[in-house]
C-alpha atoms as a PDB file:
ATOM      1  CA  MET A   1      -6.003-214.299 -45.800  1.00  0.00           C
ATOM      2  CA  LYS A   2      -7.409-216.079 -48.862  1.00  0.00           C
ATOM      3  CA  THR A   3      -6.502-219.707 -49.453  1.00  0.00           C
ATOM      4  CA  PRO A   4      -4.501-220.207 -52.700  1.00  0.00           C
ATOM      5  CA  PRO A   5      -6.444-222.057 -55.417  1.00  0.00           C
ATOM      6  CA  GLU A   6      -5.771-225.755 -55.876  1.00  0.00           C
ATOM      7  CA  GLY A   7      -2.592-226.407 -57.830  1.00  0.00           C
ATOM      8  CA  PHE A   8      -1.366-222.828 -57.367  1.00  0.00           C
ATOM      9  CA  ASP A   9       2.407-222.636 -57.923  1.00  0.00           C
ATOM     10  CA  ILE A  10       3.532-220.157 -55.259  1.00  0.00           C
ATOM     11  CA  GLN A  11       7.181-220.264 -56.362  1.00  0.00           C
ATOM     12  CA  ALA A  12       6.330-219.399 -59.959  1.00  0.00           C
ATOM     13  CA  HIS A  13       3.994-216.617 -58.794  1.00  0.00           C
ATOM     14  CA  CYS A  14       6.646-215.098 -56.491  1.00  0.00           C
ATOM     15  CA  ARG A  15       9.205-215.208 -59.276  1.00  0.00           C
ATOM     16  CA  SER A  16       6.749-213.464 -61.581  1.00  0.00           C
ATOM     17  CA  LEU A  17       6.181-210.749 -58.968  1.00  0.00           C
ATOM     18  CA  ALA A  18       9.937-210.262 -58.517  1.00  0.00           C
ATOM     19  CA  LEU A  19      10.451-209.881 -62.262  1.00  0.00           C
ATOM     20  CA  GLN A  20       7.565-207.408 -62.424  1.00  0.00           C
ATOM     21  CA  GLN A  21       9.115-205.436 -59.545  1.00  0.00           C
ATOM     22  CA  MET A  22      12.455-205.256 -61.383  1.00  0.00           C
ATOM     23  CA  GLU A  23      10.722-203.938 -64.508  1.00  0.00           C
ATOM     24  CA  MET A  24       8.898-201.258 -62.505  1.00  0.00           C
ATOM     25  CA  LEU A  25      12.059-200.207 -60.642  1.00  0.00           C
ATOM     26  CA  THR A  26      13.896-199.936 -63.956  1.00  0.00           C
ATOM     27  CA  GLU A  27      11.145-197.694 -65.312  1.00  0.00           C
ATOM     28  CA  ILE A  28      11.236-195.523 -62.162  1.00  0.00           C
ATOM     29  CA  ALA A  29      15.021-195.194 -62.448  1.00  0.00           C
ATOM     30  CA  GLU A  30      14.808-194.232 -66.128  1.00  0.00           C
ATOM     31  CA  LEU A  31      12.099-191.598 -65.541  1.00  0.00           C
ATOM     32  CA  SER A  32      13.991-190.218 -62.546  1.00  0.00           C
ATOM     33  CA  MET A  33      17.159-189.921 -64.649  1.00  0.00           C
ATOM     34  CA  GLN A  34      15.267-187.814 -67.156  1.00  0.00           C
ATOM     35  CA  LEU A  35      14.219-185.516 -64.319  1.00  0.00           C
ATOM     36  CA  VAL A  36      17.798-185.461 -62.979  1.00  0.00           C
ATOM     37  CA  ARG A  37      19.085-184.341 -66.366  1.00  0.00           C
ATOM     38  CA  GLY A  38      16.403-181.673 -66.651  1.00  0.00           C
ATOM     39  CA  GLU A  39      16.978-180.239 -63.156  1.00  0.00           C
ATOM     40  CA  GLY A  40      20.735-180.442 -63.615  1.00  0.00           C
ATOM     41  CA  ALA A  41      20.511-178.401 -66.809  1.00  0.00           C
ATOM     42  CA  ARG A  42      18.197-175.886 -65.084  1.00  0.00           C
ATOM     43  CA  ALA A  43      20.604-175.532 -62.133  1.00  0.00           C
ATOM     44  CA  LEU A  44      23.566-174.905 -64.444  1.00  0.00           C
ATOM     45  CA  ASP A  45      21.595-172.350 -66.445  1.00  0.00           C
ATOM     46  CA  ALA A  46      20.522-170.551 -63.233  1.00  0.00           C
ATOM     47  CA  GLN A  47      24.125-170.437 -61.990  1.00  0.00           C
ATOM     48  CA  ALA A  48      25.190-168.899 -65.273  1.00  0.00           C
ATOM     49  CA  LYS A  49      22.518-166.216 -64.809  1.00  0.00           C
ATOM     50  CA  VAL A  50      23.828-165.516 -61.276  1.00  0.00           C
ATOM     51  CA  ARG A  51      27.323-164.918 -62.616  1.00  0.00           C
ATOM     52  CA  ALA A  52      26.047-162.690 -65.420  1.00  0.00           C
ATOM     53  CA  ALA A  53      23.781-160.527 -63.215  1.00  0.00           C
ATOM     54  CA  ALA A  54      25.007-157.530 -61.265  1.00  0.00           C
ATOM     55  CA  PRO A  55      25.423-158.317 -57.548  1.00  0.00           C
ATOM     56  CA  GLY A  56      22.507-157.302 -55.332  1.00  0.00           C
ATOM     57  CA  THR A  57      20.032-156.820 -58.183  1.00  0.00           C
ATOM     58  CA  ASP A  58      16.618-158.446 -58.284  1.00  0.00           C
ATOM     59  CA  GLU A  59      17.786-160.453 -61.293  1.00  0.00           C
ATOM     60  CA  ALA A  60      20.690-161.902 -59.287  1.00  0.00           C
ATOM     61  CA  VAL A  61      18.425-162.772 -56.342  1.00  0.00           C
ATOM     62  CA  ALA A  62      15.892-164.530 -58.590  1.00  0.00           C
ATOM     63  CA  ALA A  63      18.637-166.473 -60.418  1.00  0.00           C
ATOM     64  CA  ARG A  64      20.190-167.564 -57.117  1.00  0.00           C
ATOM     65  CA  ALA A  65      16.765-168.772 -55.836  1.00  0.00           C
ATOM     66  CA  GLU A  66      16.150-170.711 -59.054  1.00  0.00           C
ATOM     67  CA  ALA A  67      19.612-172.299 -58.829  1.00  0.00           C
ATOM     68  CA  ARG A  68      18.922-173.362 -55.226  1.00  0.00           C
ATOM     69  CA  GLU A  69      15.509-174.828 -56.138  1.00  0.00           C
ATOM     70  CA  ALA A  70      16.918-176.697 -59.145  1.00  0.00           C
ATOM     71  CA  GLY A  71      19.792-178.031 -57.043  1.00  0.00           C
ATOM     72  CA  LEU A  72      17.416-179.409 -54.406  1.00  0.00           C
ATOM     73  CA  ALA A  73      15.247-181.042 -57.071  1.00  0.00           C
ATOM     74  CA  PHE A  74      18.368-182.497 -58.699  1.00  0.00           C
ATOM     75  CA  ALA A  75      19.470-184.036 -55.382  1.00  0.00           C
ATOM     76  CA  ARG A  76      15.976-185.394 -54.684  1.00  0.00           C
ATOM     77  CA  PHE A  77      15.644-187.090 -58.072  1.00  0.00           C
ATOM     78  CA  THR A  78      19.213-188.408 -57.857  1.00  0.00           C
ATOM     79  CA  ARG A  79      18.357-190.025 -54.536  1.00  0.00           C
ATOM     80  CA  THR A  80      15.309-191.699 -56.171  1.00  0.00           C
ATOM     81  CA  VAL A  81      17.554-193.098 -58.912  1.00  0.00           C
ATOM     82  CA  HIS A  82      20.004-194.496 -56.351  1.00  0.00           C
ATOM     83  CA  GLN A  83      17.206-196.066 -54.281  1.00  0.00           C
ATOM     84  CA  SER A  84      15.543-197.631 -57.341  1.00  0.00           C
ATOM     85  CA  LEU A  85      18.806-199.114 -58.602  1.00  0.00           C
ATOM     86  CA  ALA A  86      19.712-200.422 -55.133  1.00  0.00           C
ATOM     87  CA  GLN A  87      16.301-202.051 -54.693  1.00  0.00           C
ATOM     88  CA  ARG A  88      16.505-203.569 -58.176  1.00  0.00           C
ATOM     89  CA  ALA A  89      19.979-204.953 -57.398  1.00  0.00           C
ATOM     90  CA  ARG A  90      18.702-206.560 -54.182  1.00  0.00           C
ATOM     91  CA  THR A  91      15.789-208.155 -56.035  1.00  0.00           C
ATOM     92  CA  ALA A  92      18.114-209.417 -58.779  1.00  0.00           C
ATOM     93  CA  ASP A  93      20.546-210.839 -56.200  1.00  0.00           C
ATOM     94  CA  LYS A  94      17.672-212.651 -54.485  1.00  0.00           C
ATOM     95  CA  LEU A  95      16.502-214.133 -57.785  1.00  0.00           C
ATOM     96  CA  CYS A  96      20.049-215.221 -58.652  1.00  0.00           C
ATOM     97  CA  ALA A  97      20.477-216.837 -55.238  1.00  0.00           C
ATOM     98  CA  GLN A  98      17.180-218.681 -55.640  1.00  0.00           C
ATOM     99  CA  ASP A  99      18.192-219.798 -59.116  1.00  0.00           C
ATOM    100  CA  ARG A 100      21.524-221.130 -57.813  1.00  0.00           C
ATOM    101  CA  ALA A 101      19.711-222.990 -55.038  1.00  0.00           C
ATOM    102  CA  GLU A 102      17.274-224.544 -57.496  1.00  0.00           C
ATOM    103  CA  THR A 103      19.892-225.454 -60.114  1.00  0.00           C
ATOM    104  CA  PRO A 104      20.805-228.899 -58.660  1.00  0.00           C
ATOM    105  CA  ASP A 105      17.135-229.951 -58.536  1.00  0.00           C
ATOM    106  CA  ARG A 106      16.544-228.595 -62.025  1.00  0.00           C
ATOM    107  CA  LEU A 107      19.566-230.439 -63.406  1.00  0.00           C
ATOM    108  CA  ALA A 108      18.502-233.640 -61.660  1.00  0.00           C
ATOM    109  CA  ALA A 109      15.001-233.335 -63.116  1.00  0.00           C
ATOM    110  CA  ARG A 110      16.457-232.721 -66.560  1.00  0.00           C
ATOM    111  CA  LYS A 111      18.666-235.807 -66.240  1.00  0.00           C
ATOM    112  CA  VAL A 112      15.677-237.965 -65.339  1.00  0.00           C
ATOM    113  CA  ARG A 113      13.623-236.535 -68.210  1.00  0.00           C
ATOM    114  CA  ARG A 114      16.523-237.003 -70.645  1.00  0.00           C
ATOM    115  CA  GLU A 115      16.998-240.641 -69.618  1.00  0.00           C
ATOM    116  CA  ARG A 116      13.276-241.310 -69.902  1.00  0.00           C
ATOM    117  CA  HIS A 117      13.233-239.681 -73.347  1.00  0.00           C
ATOM    118  CA  ARG A 118      16.255-241.718 -74.464  1.00  0.00           C
ATOM    119  CA  ASP A 119      14.830-245.007 -73.180  1.00  0.00           C
ATOM    120  CA  GLU A 120      11.532-244.399 -74.963  1.00  0.00           C
ATOM    121  CA  VAL A 121      13.279-243.671 -78.272  1.00  0.00           C
ATOM    122  CA  ARG A 122      15.596-246.685 -78.041  1.00  0.00           C
ATOM    123  CA  ASP A 123      13.048-249.179 -76.733  1.00  0.00           C
ATOM    124  CA  THR A 124      10.351-248.175 -79.206  1.00  0.00           C
ATOM    125  CA  LEU A 125      12.636-248.423 -82.228  1.00  0.00           C
ATOM    126  CA  GLN A 126      14.012-251.720 -80.945  1.00  0.00           C
ATOM    127  CA  ASP A 127      10.454-253.049 -80.748  1.00  0.00           C
ATOM    128  CA  MET A 128       9.821-251.873 -84.290  1.00  0.00           C
ATOM    129  CA  ILE A 129      12.971-253.593 -85.574  1.00  0.00           C
ATOM    130  CA  CYS A 130      12.080-256.800 -83.725  1.00  0.00           C
ATOM    131  CA  GLU A 131       8.584-256.865 -85.225  1.00  0.00           C
ATOM    132  CA  GLU A 132       9.314-255.636 -88.729  1.00  0.00           C
ATOM    133  CA  ILE A 133      12.713-257.105 -89.670  1.00  0.00           C
ATOM    134  CA  GLU A 134      12.721-260.842 -90.324  1.00  0.00           C
ATOM    135  CA  ASP A 135      16.242-261.250 -91.720  1.00  0.00           C
ATOM    136  CA  GLU A 136      18.458-262.148 -88.736  1.00  0.00           C
ATOM    137  CA  GLY A 137      21.627-260.589 -90.132  1.00  0.00           C
ATOM    138  CA  ARG A 138      19.935-257.265 -90.921  1.00  0.00           C
ATOM    139  CA  PHE A 139      18.098-257.411 -87.599  1.00  0.00           C
ATOM    140  CA  ASN A 140      21.370-257.663 -85.622  1.00  0.00           C
ATOM    141  CA  ALA A 141      23.075-254.974 -87.712  1.00  0.00           C
ATOM    142  CA  LEU A 142      20.162-252.560 -87.221  1.00  0.00           C
ATOM    143  CA  LYS A 143      20.111-253.140 -83.448  1.00  0.00           C
ATOM    144  CA  ASP A 144      23.829-252.333 -83.209  1.00  0.00           C
ATOM    145  CA  ASP A 145      23.409-249.305 -85.474  1.00  0.00           C
ATOM    146  CA  LEU A 146      20.463-248.094 -83.384  1.00  0.00           C
ATOM    147  CA  GLU A 147      22.478-248.267 -80.151  1.00  0.00           C
ATOM    148  CA  GLU A 148      25.323-246.304 -81.738  1.00  0.00           C
ATOM    149  CA  ARG A 149      23.030-243.616 -83.153  1.00  0.00           C
ATOM    150  CA  VAL A 150      21.084-243.172 -79.914  1.00  0.00           C
ATOM    151  CA  ASP A 151      24.338-242.957 -77.910  1.00  0.00           C
ATOM    152  CA  GLY A 152      25.635-240.273 -80.276  1.00  0.00           C
ATOM    153  CA  LEU A 153      22.363-238.336 -80.223  1.00  0.00           C
ATOM    154  CA  TYR A 154      22.249-238.051 -76.417  1.00  0.00           C
ATOM    155  CA  GLU A 155      25.994-237.769 -75.830  1.00  0.00           C
ATOM    156  CA  ASP A 156      26.260-233.964 -76.036  1.00  0.00           C
ATOM    157  CA  GLN A 157      24.680-232.608 -72.849  1.00  0.00           C
ATOM    158  CA  ASP A 158      24.483-229.106 -74.337  1.00  0.00           C
ATOM    159  CA  VAL A 159      22.002-230.329 -76.958  1.00  0.00           C
ATOM    160  CA  GLN A 160      18.683-230.662 -75.151  1.00  0.00           C
ATOM    161  CA  VAL A 161      17.212-233.494 -77.190  1.00  0.00           C
ATOM    162  CA  GLU A 162      14.687-234.159 -74.431  1.00  0.00           C
ATOM    163  CA  ASP A 163      12.940-230.881 -75.284  1.00  0.00           C
ATOM    164  CA  ARG A 164      12.113-232.164 -78.767  1.00  0.00           C
ATOM    165  CA  PRO A 165       8.956-234.168 -79.490  1.00  0.00           C
ATOM    166  CA  VAL A 166       9.795-237.818 -78.881  1.00  0.00           C
ATOM    167  CA  GLY A 167       7.929-238.797 -82.050  1.00  0.00           C
ATOM    168  CA  SER A 168      10.079-236.443 -84.134  1.00  0.00           C
ATOM    169  CA  VAL A 169      13.282-237.853 -82.622  1.00  0.00           C
ATOM    170  CA  MET A 170      12.149-241.403 -83.396  1.00  0.00           C
ATOM    171  CA  ALA A 171      11.272-240.431 -86.964  1.00  0.00           C
ATOM    172  CA  GLY A 172      14.709-238.863 -87.462  1.00  0.00           C
ATOM    173  CA  VAL A 173      16.589-241.900 -86.118  1.00  0.00           C
ATOM    174  CA  ALA A 174      14.418-244.259 -88.167  1.00  0.00           C
ATOM    175  CA  CYS A 175      15.201-242.217 -91.267  1.00  0.00           C
ATOM    176  CA  GLY A 176      18.940-242.507 -90.546  1.00  0.00           C
ATOM    177  CA  LEU A 177      18.524-246.284 -90.243  1.00  0.00           C
ATOM    178  CA  GLY A 178      16.802-246.447 -93.613  1.00  0.00           C
ATOM    179  CA  LEU A 179      13.493-247.358 -91.955  1.00  0.00           C
ATOM    180  CA  SER A 180      11.467-244.226 -92.644  1.00  0.00           C
ATOM    181  CA  GLU A 181       8.668-246.034 -94.477  1.00  0.00           C
ATOM    182  CA  THR A 182       8.644-248.793 -91.860  1.00  0.00           C
ATOM    183  CA  TRP A 183       8.293-246.182 -89.121  1.00  0.00           C
ATOM    184  CA  GLN A 184       5.445-244.383 -90.859  1.00  0.00           C
ATOM    185  CA  ARG A 185       3.584-247.676 -91.240  1.00  0.00           C
ATOM    186  CA  TRP A 186       4.363-248.967 -87.758  1.00  0.00           C
ATOM    187  CA  ARG A 187       4.054-245.919 -85.532  1.00  0.00           C
ATOM    188  CA  GLY A 188       0.291-245.284 -85.888  1.00  0.00           C
ATOM    189  CA  GLU A 189      -0.718-242.361 -83.652  1.00  0.00           C
ATOM    190  CA  GLU A 190       1.064-243.565 -80.527  1.00  0.00           C
ATOM    191  CA  TRP A 191       3.631-240.772 -80.138  1.00  0.00           C
ATOM    192  CA  PRO A 192       2.747-237.059 -80.088  1.00  0.00           C
ATOM    193  CA  ALA A 193       4.361-234.732 -82.615  1.00  0.00           C
ATOM    194  CA  THR A 194       4.510-231.836 -80.170  1.00  0.00           C
ATOM    195  CA  PRO A 195       6.942-231.339 -77.286  1.00  0.00           C
ATOM    196  CA  ARG A 196       5.917-231.469 -73.653  1.00  0.00           C
ATOM    197  CA  PRO A 197       4.637-228.037 -72.595  1.00  0.00           C
ATOM    198  CA  THR A 198       6.397-225.787 -70.130  1.00  0.00           C
ATOM    199  CA  ARG A 199       4.724-225.210 -66.783  1.00  0.00           C
ATOM    200  CA  PRO A 200       2.075-222.449 -66.823  1.00  0.00           C
ATOM    201  CA  ALA A 201       3.425-219.079 -65.721  1.00  0.00           C
ATOM    202  CA  GLY A 202       1.952-215.679 -64.944  1.00  0.00           C
ATOM    203  CA  SER A 203      -0.713-214.476 -62.566  1.00  0.00           C
ATOM    204  CA  PRO A 204      -3.018-216.941 -60.775  1.00  0.00           C
ATOM    205  CA  ALA A 205      -5.794-216.070 -63.225  1.00  0.00           C
ATOM    206  CA  GLU A 206      -3.514-216.674 -66.229  1.00  0.00           C
ATOM    207  CA  ILE A 207      -2.331-220.022 -64.831  1.00  0.00           C
ATOM    208  CA  GLN A 208      -5.918-221.093 -64.201  1.00  0.00           C
ATOM    209  CA  ALA A 209      -6.887-220.087 -67.752  1.00  0.00           C
ATOM    210  CA  ILE A 210      -4.044-222.139 -69.264  1.00  0.00           C
ATOM    211  CA  ARG A 211      -4.992-225.177 -67.187  1.00  0.00           C
ATOM    212  CA  ALA A 212      -8.667-224.801 -68.094  1.00  0.00           C
ATOM    213  CA  LYS A 213      -7.787-224.679 -71.804  1.00  0.00           C
ATOM    214  CA  ARG A 214      -5.641-227.818 -71.527  1.00  0.00           C
ATOM    215  CA  ARG A 215      -8.299-229.589 -69.445  1.00  0.00           C
ATOM    216  CA  LYS A 216     -10.905-228.797 -72.117  1.00  0.00           C
ATOM    217  CA  ALA A 217      -8.659-230.171 -74.881  1.00  0.00           C
ATOM    218  CA  VAL A 218      -7.919-233.350 -72.913  1.00  0.00           C
ATOM    219  CA  THR A 219     -11.623-233.864 -72.161  1.00  0.00           C
ATOM    220  CA  ALA A 220     -12.457-233.526 -75.863  1.00  0.00           C
ATOM    221  CA  ALA A 221      -9.751-236.057 -76.778  1.00  0.00           C
ATOM    222  CA  VAL A 222     -10.978-238.585 -74.192  1.00  0.00           C
ATOM    223  CA  GLU A 223     -14.604-238.037 -75.251  1.00  0.00           C
ATOM    224  CA  ARG A 224     -13.615-239.044 -78.783  1.00  0.00           C
ATOM    225  CA  ASP A 225     -12.355-242.323 -77.345  1.00  0.00           C
ATOM    226  CA  PHE A 226     -15.575-242.755 -75.372  1.00  0.00           C
ATOM    227  CA  ALA A 227     -17.511-242.452 -78.624  1.00  0.00           C
ATOM    228  CA  GLU A 228     -15.689-245.514 -79.953  1.00  0.00           C
ATOM    229  CA  CYS A 229     -17.001-247.740 -77.144  1.00  0.00           C
ATOM    230  CA  ALA A 230     -19.280-250.544 -78.296  1.00  0.00           C
ATOM    231  CA  ASP A 231     -21.967-249.826 -75.687  1.00  0.00           C
ATOM    232  CA  PRO A 232     -23.177-246.206 -75.226  1.00  0.00           C
ATOM    233  CA  ALA A 233     -24.525-247.221 -71.803  1.00  0.00           C
ATOM    234  CA  TRP A 234     -20.980-247.153 -70.456  1.00  0.00           C
ATOM    235  CA  ILE A 235     -20.397-243.501 -71.363  1.00  0.00           C
ATOM    236  CA  PRO A 236     -22.161-241.785 -68.374  1.00  0.00           C
ATOM    237  CA  GLY A 237     -20.095-243.849 -65.943  1.00  0.00           C
ATOM    238  CA  LEU A 238     -16.927-243.122 -67.871  1.00  0.00           C
ATOM    239  CA  ARG A 239     -17.680-239.399 -67.857  1.00  0.00           C
ATOM    240  CA  ALA A 240     -18.233-239.477 -64.098  1.00  0.00           C
ATOM    241  CA  GLY A 241     -14.910-241.254 -63.637  1.00  0.00           C
ATOM    242  CA  LEU A 242     -13.187-238.746 -65.907  1.00  0.00           C
ATOM    243  CA  ALA A 243     -14.608-235.818 -63.901  1.00  0.00           C
ATOM    244  CA  VAL A 244     -13.120-237.288 -60.731  1.00  0.00           C
ATOM    245  CA  ARG A 245      -9.757-237.990 -62.340  1.00  0.00           C
ATOM    246  CA  LEU A 246      -9.460-234.435 -63.669  1.00  0.00           C
ATOM    247  CA  GLN A 247      -9.553-233.096 -60.104  1.00  0.00           C
ATOM    248  CA  GLU A 248      -6.832-235.388 -58.779  1.00  0.00           C
ATOM    249  CA  PRO A 249      -3.314-233.965 -58.187  1.00  0.00           C
ATOM    250  CA  ASP A 250      -1.522-236.317 -60.581  1.00  0.00           C
ATOM    251  CA  VAL A 251      -3.743-235.208 -63.470  1.00  0.00           C
ATOM    252  CA  ILE A 252      -3.200-231.532 -62.631  1.00  0.00           C
ATOM    253  CA  GLU A 253       0.545-232.231 -62.733  1.00  0.00           C
ATOM    254  CA  MET A 254       0.187-234.007 -66.083  1.00  0.00           C
ATOM    255  CA  LEU A 255      -1.809-231.102 -67.522  1.00  0.00           C
ATOM    256  CA  ASP A 256       1.109-228.821 -66.593  1.00  0.00           C
ATOM    257  CA  THR A 257       3.909-230.988 -67.985  1.00  0.00           C
ATOM    258  CA  GLU A 258       2.655-233.450 -70.631  1.00  0.00           C
ATOM    259  CA  THR A 259       1.141-233.180 -74.106  1.00  0.00           C
ATOM    260  CA  ILE A 260      -2.612-233.377 -74.615  1.00  0.00           C
ATOM    261  CA  ALA A 261      -2.215-236.736 -76.410  1.00  0.00           C
ATOM    262  CA  THR A 262      -0.180-238.212 -73.552  1.00  0.00           C
ATOM    263  CA  VAL A 263      -2.617-237.061 -70.851  1.00  0.00           C
ATOM    264  CA  ALA A 264      -5.608-238.357 -72.819  1.00  0.00           C
ATOM    265  CA  GLN A 265      -3.931-241.721 -73.325  1.00  0.00           C
ATOM    266  CA  ARG A 266      -3.090-242.101 -69.624  1.00  0.00           C
ATOM    267  CA  LEU A 267      -6.582-241.076 -68.569  1.00  0.00           C
ATOM    268  CA  CYS A 268      -8.099-243.664 -70.901  1.00  0.00           C
ATOM    269  CA  ARG A 269      -5.902-246.350 -69.407  1.00  0.00           C
ATOM    270  CA  SER A 270      -6.756-245.300 -65.849  1.00  0.00           C
ATOM    271  CA  LEU A 271     -10.453-245.644 -66.722  1.00  0.00           C
ATOM    272  CA  GLY A 272      -9.908-249.132 -68.136  1.00  0.00           C
ATOM    273  CA  LEU A 273     -10.004-248.089 -71.802  1.00  0.00           C
ATOM    274  CA  SER A 274      -7.358-248.631 -74.426  1.00  0.00           C
ATOM    275  CA  PRO A 275      -6.839-245.640 -76.730  1.00  0.00           C
ATOM    276  CA  MET A 276      -5.776-248.064 -79.462  1.00  0.00           C
ATOM    277  CA  ILE A 277      -8.265-250.967 -79.105  1.00  0.00           C
ATOM    278  CA  PHE A 278     -11.958-250.227 -78.651  1.00  0.00           C
ATOM    279  CA  GLY A 279     -15.095-252.274 -78.254  1.00  0.00           C
ATOM    280  CA  PHE A 280     -14.448-254.019 -74.946  1.00  0.00           C
ATOM    281  CA  LYS A 281     -15.974-253.582 -71.515  1.00  0.00           C
ATOM    282  CA  PRO A 282     -14.162-251.057 -69.260  1.00  0.00           C
ATOM    283  CA  LYS A 283     -12.601-252.382 -66.079  1.00  0.00           C
ATOM    284  CA  ALA A 284     -14.634-251.836 -62.938  1.00  0.00           C
ATOM    285  CA  LEU A 285     -13.810-248.663 -61.053  1.00  0.00           C
ATOM    286  CA  ASP A 286     -14.673-250.290 -57.727  1.00  0.00           C
ATOM    287  CA  GLY A 287     -15.589-253.679 -56.326  1.00  0.00           C
ATOM    288  CA  PRO A 288     -13.750-257.019 -56.661  1.00  0.00           C
ATOM    289  CA  ASP A 289     -12.962-256.487 -60.361  1.00  0.00           C
ATOM    290  CA  ALA A 290     -11.387-253.084 -59.847  1.00  0.00           C
ATOM    291  CA  ASP A 291      -7.953-252.460 -61.326  1.00  0.00           C
ATOM    292  CA  VAL A 292      -5.949-251.256 -58.337  1.00  0.00           C
ATOM    293  CA  HIS A 293      -2.932-250.322 -60.458  1.00  0.00           C
ATOM    294  CA  ASP A 294      -4.055-246.985 -61.824  1.00  0.00           C
ATOM    295  CA  THR A 295      -0.986-245.754 -63.631  1.00  0.00           C
ATOM    296  CA  GLY A 296      -2.695-242.550 -64.725  1.00  0.00           C
END
């Protein structure tokens, strides 16, 4: 038995196979029904010929044989339809049961992601207000208004705000606060304008291709940051560190669930680089000066 490739999502693959099986069983049932209708019509036509023919004639014998043959074919194809539908129902029931079992974990994960999304929006805009607004009265009013708007935005659980790009949500709230120009000036390129991606799905080859594409995009983004370093002599060491990081499980998880900008930013930080401030020496990757708190 072959060993699954690193990072292979067996649950997603099994679900994909089950869905493919349901599609194939549906197609078998539909084709079999066409055959059932055809053999049913042939059996009825043959029976009509039996009734019309004179008893004992060759015509009557041939019609009776055709009716018998069509009836057997009708029963055989009907049995195929029943078996296909029954197998499809069992597969669907299994998928539904698995979905019900996974629902609590999925809801819990969504709650965590929603809270993280909300905290990032609120805290970031609070920081902006603190840094940009000097008038104390306006500062206090904006803080209260921000809390109220964020509470209202995340209050309705049916509206999945956490699936929107966090940068877009911040821009919308800032606009409602009358701080659109302040946000555009203050935000820089810190927050991505695209939502977090969904996990790769499909066959193992398709999943690997998606991950390879994302890994290539992340590498290109980090390489652009490398190019900003003051000393080109650091770059070979940084590239070696990046190659190691890209093989580690936490980075594979990030490639599946985070935007390219977010992954690139975290990788830069884990290599001792700031994606916002360049021209300083990277932190040592080993030895007494190593940064042991690699947040990824």
